[in-house]
Structure formats: structure tokens, C-alpha cells
Amino acid sequence: MSEPLLELIGLKTWLDTARGPVRAVDGIDLKVARGETFALLGESGCGKSMTALSIMRLLPAAGRIVSGEVRLGDRNLLALPEMAMREVRGRQLAMIFQEPQSSLNPVLSVGEQIAETLRRQGLHGISRERRARSCRRA
């Protein structure tokens, strides 16, 4: 059997609160094979979003991963420095957030926001001619 594309091993993520830590993710293990479709389902508050945020290392300020591994191929993402993790996000891992109002900046066009993401990933984005055409339509 080939190595999993994504593997969580004993992942634990806690949120620090005034009343003590909340165990948002408490020891999850899972494997996702290349080409496999995976769905994480559960009731509200069970840790689905916190699991995804932990994988991406995009936790809120009160959140911390206390143990476990997040492996993408042969790399433990939890051991990567932030600059290396930024290279992984968007190129190898991506997340679609639940609330579009908090994901998109209403002051910028969607095209500008997509172009910014492409620039950050070292891609050139759409051509100036196509950009001009899409701006005229708006």
C-alpha cells in the first residue's frame, strides 16, 4: 500500500479559556489516500473546523496544537517553520471557509483577491488584457 497523501496521527488541539483548556480536537487519527474523497461529518461544535484549521496551522490566538502529527506525504507540517508552511498553503493544501463574508474583502474586487493569491504563490495570474475586459464588465 502506498503512503497516505494526508495523515493525522494523535492530533490534539486545545483552546485556552479563562476556565481552563477546551479540548477542541482530542486525539484524531485519519488517513486520506491520493485520489480519495474524504468527508469529515459531525454535529455543530464537534471539532470539524478546528481539525481543518489545525491541519492548515491557521488556529485562532487562543488555540494550540498540544500533540500529534499532521503529515503531508513524508513531511510533518507541524515541524515546518511558518515561511515553509506558507509555501504549502495554496499550493498543496487549501481550505474553503464557511463564511464568505469573513473570507473576502468587500473593498477589493474578487479578481483582485484571486490575483493577490496567485502572486503570493509565484504565479502570474490573468493577463492584463483579460483583466481589463473583466473590469469593463463590472
C-alpha atoms as a PDB file:
ATOM      1  CA  MET A   1       0.000   0.000   0.000  1.00  0.00           C
ATOM      2  CA  SER A   2       1.318   3.480  -0.829  1.00  0.00           C
ATOM      3  CA  GLU A   3       1.942   6.192   1.723  1.00  0.00           C
ATOM      4  CA  PRO A   4      -1.138   8.309   2.520  1.00  0.00           C
ATOM      5  CA  LEU A   5      -1.366  11.764   0.972  1.00  0.00           C
ATOM      6  CA  LEU A   6      -2.567  13.269   4.274  1.00  0.00           C
ATOM      7  CA  GLU A   7      -2.325  11.629   7.678  1.00  0.00           C
ATOM      8  CA  LEU A   8      -3.258  12.863  11.133  1.00  0.00           C
ATOM      9  CA  ILE A   9      -1.666  10.963  13.991  1.00  0.00           C
ATOM     10  CA  GLY A  10      -2.970  11.617  17.506  1.00  0.00           C
ATOM     11  CA  LEU A  11      -3.723  15.269  16.737  1.00  0.00           C
ATOM     12  CA  LYS A  12      -4.787  17.264  19.809  1.00  0.00           C
ATOM     13  CA  THR A  13      -5.713  20.940  19.627  1.00  0.00           C
ATOM     14  CA  TRP A  14      -6.740  22.871  22.696  1.00  0.00           C
ATOM     15  CA  LEU A  15      -8.226  26.314  23.157  1.00  0.00           C
ATOM     16  CA  ASP A  16      -7.130  28.264  26.216  1.00  0.00           C
ATOM     17  CA  THR A  17     -10.022  29.899  28.071  1.00  0.00           C
ATOM     18  CA  ALA A  18     -10.405  31.673  31.407  1.00  0.00           C
ATOM     19  CA  ARG A  19     -11.903  28.452  32.815  1.00  0.00           C
ATOM     20  CA  GLY A  20      -9.084  26.258  31.550  1.00  0.00           C
ATOM     21  CA  PRO A  21      -8.301  24.464  28.283  1.00  0.00           C
ATOM     22  CA  VAL A  22     -11.043  23.224  25.972  1.00  0.00           C
ATOM     23  CA  ARG A  23     -10.072  20.069  24.098  1.00  0.00           C
ATOM     24  CA  ALA A  24     -11.371  21.051  20.665  1.00  0.00           C
ATOM     25  CA  VAL A  25      -9.612  18.146  18.909  1.00  0.00           C
ATOM     26  CA  ASP A  26      -8.735  15.292  21.219  1.00  0.00           C
ATOM     27  CA  GLY A  27      -6.563  12.680  19.543  1.00  0.00           C
ATOM     28  CA  ILE A  28      -7.853  12.293  15.987  1.00  0.00           C
ATOM     29  CA  ASP A  29      -6.229   9.748  13.665  1.00  0.00           C
ATOM     30  CA  LEU A  30      -7.074   9.609   9.970  1.00  0.00           C
ATOM     31  CA  LYS A  31      -5.538   8.814   6.604  1.00  0.00           C
ATOM     32  CA  VAL A  32      -6.512  10.177   3.207  1.00  0.00           C
ATOM     33  CA  ALA A  33      -5.104   8.374   0.186  1.00  0.00           C
ATOM     34  CA  ARG A  34      -4.177  10.091  -3.070  1.00  0.00           C
ATOM     35  CA  GLY A  35      -7.297  10.293  -5.264  1.00  0.00           C
ATOM     36  CA  GLU A  36      -9.626   9.535  -2.364  1.00  0.00           C
ATOM     37  CA  THR A  37     -12.561  11.763  -1.468  1.00  0.00           C
ATOM     38  CA  PHE A  38     -12.869  12.319   2.254  1.00  0.00           C
ATOM     39  CA  ALA A  39     -15.673  13.969   4.243  1.00  0.00           C
ATOM     40  CA  LEU A  40     -15.469  14.887   7.914  1.00  0.00           C
ATOM     41  CA  LEU A  41     -19.002  14.977   9.320  1.00  0.00           C
ATOM     42  CA  GLY A  42     -20.397  15.696  12.744  1.00  0.00           C
ATOM     43  CA  GLU A  43     -22.665  17.859  14.801  1.00  0.00           C
ATOM     44  CA  SER A  44     -22.008  21.533  15.420  1.00  0.00           C
ATOM     45  CA  GLY A  45     -19.149  22.083  17.863  1.00  0.00           C
ATOM     46  CA  CYS A  46     -17.602  18.625  17.497  1.00  0.00           C
ATOM     47  CA  GLY A  47     -14.268  19.899  16.131  1.00  0.00           C
ATOM     48  CA  LYS A  48     -14.563  19.652  12.328  1.00  0.00           C
ATOM     49  CA  SER A  49     -13.472  23.237  11.645  1.00  0.00           C
ATOM     50  CA  MET A  50     -10.805  23.160  14.350  1.00  0.00           C
ATOM     51  CA  THR A  51      -9.393  19.991  12.770  1.00  0.00           C
ATOM     52  CA  ALA A  52      -9.183  21.724   9.379  1.00  0.00           C
ATOM     53  CA  LEU A  53      -7.651  24.849  10.935  1.00  0.00           C
ATOM     54  CA  SER A  54      -5.119  22.663  12.749  1.00  0.00           C
ATOM     55  CA  ILE A  55      -4.116  20.941   9.510  1.00  0.00           C
ATOM     56  CA  MET A  56      -3.586  24.336   7.862  1.00  0.00           C
ATOM     57  CA  ARG A  57      -1.956  25.784  11.011  1.00  0.00           C
ATOM     58  CA  LEU A  58      -4.401  28.684  10.996  1.00  0.00           C
ATOM     59  CA  LEU A  59      -5.557  28.469  14.606  1.00  0.00           C
ATOM     60  CA  PRO A  60      -7.055  31.401  16.492  1.00  0.00           C
ATOM     61  CA  ALA A  61      -4.779  33.116  19.040  1.00  0.00           C
ATOM     62  CA  ALA A  62      -6.148  31.003  21.905  1.00  0.00           C
ATOM     63  CA  GLY A  63      -5.562  27.747  20.014  1.00  0.00           C
ATOM     64  CA  ARG A  64      -2.548  25.481  20.239  1.00  0.00           C
ATOM     65  CA  ILE A  65      -1.667  22.046  18.989  1.00  0.00           C
ATOM     66  CA  VAL A  66      -0.517  20.125  22.062  1.00  0.00           C
ATOM     67  CA  SER A  67       0.473  16.851  20.418  1.00  0.00           C
ATOM     68  CA  GLY A  68       0.321  14.733  17.318  1.00  0.00           C
ATOM     69  CA  GLU A  69       1.437  14.950  13.734  1.00  0.00           C
ATOM     70  CA  VAL A  70      -0.030  16.277  10.513  1.00  0.00           C
ATOM     71  CA  ARG A  71       1.773  14.541   7.671  1.00  0.00           C
ATOM     72  CA  LEU A  72       1.505  15.632   4.044  1.00  0.00           C
ATOM     73  CA  GLY A  73       3.321  12.902   2.198  1.00  0.00           C
ATOM     74  CA  ASP A  74       6.563  12.408   4.102  1.00  0.00           C
ATOM     75  CA  ARG A  75       6.593  15.828   5.842  1.00  0.00           C
ATOM     76  CA  ASN A  76       5.261  16.654   9.287  1.00  0.00           C
ATOM     77  CA  LEU A  77       3.594  20.025   8.736  1.00  0.00           C
ATOM     78  CA  LEU A  78       3.722  20.793  12.453  1.00  0.00           C
ATOM     79  CA  ALA A  79       7.528  20.766  12.315  1.00  0.00           C
ATOM     80  CA  LEU A  80       7.774  23.261   9.431  1.00  0.00           C
ATOM     81  CA  PRO A  81       8.694  26.895  10.092  1.00  0.00           C
ATOM     82  CA  GLU A  82       5.939  29.381   9.208  1.00  0.00           C
ATOM     83  CA  MET A  83       7.672  30.517   5.996  1.00  0.00           C
ATOM     84  CA  ALA A  84       7.778  26.931   4.719  1.00  0.00           C
ATOM     85  CA  MET A  85       4.146  26.437   5.752  1.00  0.00           C
ATOM     86  CA  ARG A  86       3.158  29.459   3.656  1.00  0.00           C
ATOM     87  CA  GLU A  87       4.585  27.649   0.624  1.00  0.00           C
ATOM     88  CA  VAL A  88       2.423  24.613   1.414  1.00  0.00           C
ATOM     89  CA  ARG A  89      -0.794  26.622   1.827  1.00  0.00           C
ATOM     90  CA  GLY A  90      -2.412  27.322  -1.517  1.00  0.00           C
ATOM     91  CA  ARG A  91      -0.030  25.090  -3.463  1.00  0.00           C
ATOM     92  CA  GLN A  92      -0.602  21.745  -1.771  1.00  0.00           C
ATOM     93  CA  LEU A  93      -3.330  22.459   0.787  1.00  0.00           C
ATOM     94  CA  ALA A  94      -6.267  24.812   0.578  1.00  0.00           C
ATOM     95  CA  MET A  95      -9.349  25.491   2.621  1.00  0.00           C
ATOM     96  CA  ILE A  96     -12.711  26.915   1.689  1.00  0.00           C
ATOM     97  CA  PHE A  97     -14.005  28.799   4.718  1.00  0.00           C
ATOM     98  CA  GLN A  98     -17.647  28.523   5.762  1.00  0.00           C
ATOM     99  CA  GLU A  99     -18.393  32.245   5.926  1.00  0.00           C
ATOM    100  CA  PRO A 100     -17.639  34.095   2.675  1.00  0.00           C
ATOM    101  CA  GLN A 101     -18.181  37.458   4.398  1.00  0.00           C
ATOM    102  CA  SER A 102     -15.129  36.778   6.556  1.00  0.00           C
ATOM    103  CA  SER A 103     -13.095  35.337   3.660  1.00  0.00           C
ATOM    104  CA  LEU A 104     -13.459  38.090   1.067  1.00  0.00           C
ATOM    105  CA  ASN A 105     -12.587  41.752   1.416  1.00  0.00           C
ATOM    106  CA  PRO A 106     -15.620  43.802   0.289  1.00  0.00           C
ATOM    107  CA  VAL A 107     -13.362  46.752  -0.640  1.00  0.00           C
ATOM    108  CA  LEU A 108     -11.468  44.744  -3.305  1.00  0.00           C
ATOM    109  CA  SER A 109     -12.879  43.009  -6.346  1.00  0.00           C
ATOM    110  CA  VAL A 110     -12.898  39.209  -6.332  1.00  0.00           C
ATOM    111  CA  GLY A 111     -10.468  39.331  -9.285  1.00  0.00           C
ATOM    112  CA  GLU A 112      -8.005  41.428  -7.290  1.00  0.00           C
ATOM    113  CA  GLN A 113      -8.184  38.996  -4.394  1.00  0.00           C
ATOM    114  CA  ILE A 114      -7.631  35.964  -6.635  1.00  0.00           C
ATOM    115  CA  ALA A 115      -4.738  37.736  -8.379  1.00  0.00           C
ATOM    116  CA  GLU A 116      -3.149  38.502  -4.995  1.00  0.00           C
ATOM    117  CA  THR A 117      -3.309  34.827  -4.069  1.00  0.00           C
ATOM    118  CA  LEU A 118      -1.739  33.834  -7.389  1.00  0.00           C
ATOM    119  CA  ARG A 119       1.039  36.422  -6.957  1.00  0.00           C
ATOM    120  CA  ARG A 120       1.819  35.122  -3.486  1.00  0.00           C
ATOM    121  CA  GLN A 121       2.132  31.638  -4.934  1.00  0.00           C
ATOM    122  CA  GLY A 122       4.546  32.841  -7.629  1.00  0.00           C
ATOM    123  CA  LEU A 123       2.003  32.602 -10.439  1.00  0.00           C
ATOM    124  CA  HIS A 124       1.314  35.450 -12.821  1.00  0.00           C
ATOM    125  CA  GLY A 125      -2.462  35.331 -12.792  1.00  0.00           C
ATOM    126  CA  ILE A 126      -4.628  36.537 -15.643  1.00  0.00           C
ATOM    127  CA  SER A 127      -3.250  38.616 -18.464  1.00  0.00           C
ATOM    128  CA  ARG A 128      -3.669  42.402 -18.427  1.00  0.00           C
ATOM    129  CA  GLU A 129      -5.986  42.172 -21.432  1.00  0.00           C
ATOM    130  CA  ARG A 130      -8.320  39.713 -19.700  1.00  0.00           C
ATOM    131  CA  ARG A 131      -8.194  41.777 -16.506  1.00  0.00           C
ATOM    132  CA  ALA A 132      -9.166  44.917 -18.414  1.00  0.00           C
ATOM    133  CA  ARG A 133     -12.056  43.080 -20.071  1.00  0.00           C
ATOM    134  CA  SER A 134     -13.383  41.769 -16.754  1.00  0.00           C
ATOM    135  CA  CYS A 135     -13.123  45.243 -15.175  1.00  0.00           C
ATOM    136  CA  ARG A 136     -15.136  46.822 -18.025  1.00  0.00           C
ATOM    137  CA  ARG A 137     -17.977  44.354 -17.392  1.00  0.00           C
ATOM    138  CA  ALA A 138     -18.230  45.218 -13.711  1.00  0.00           C
END
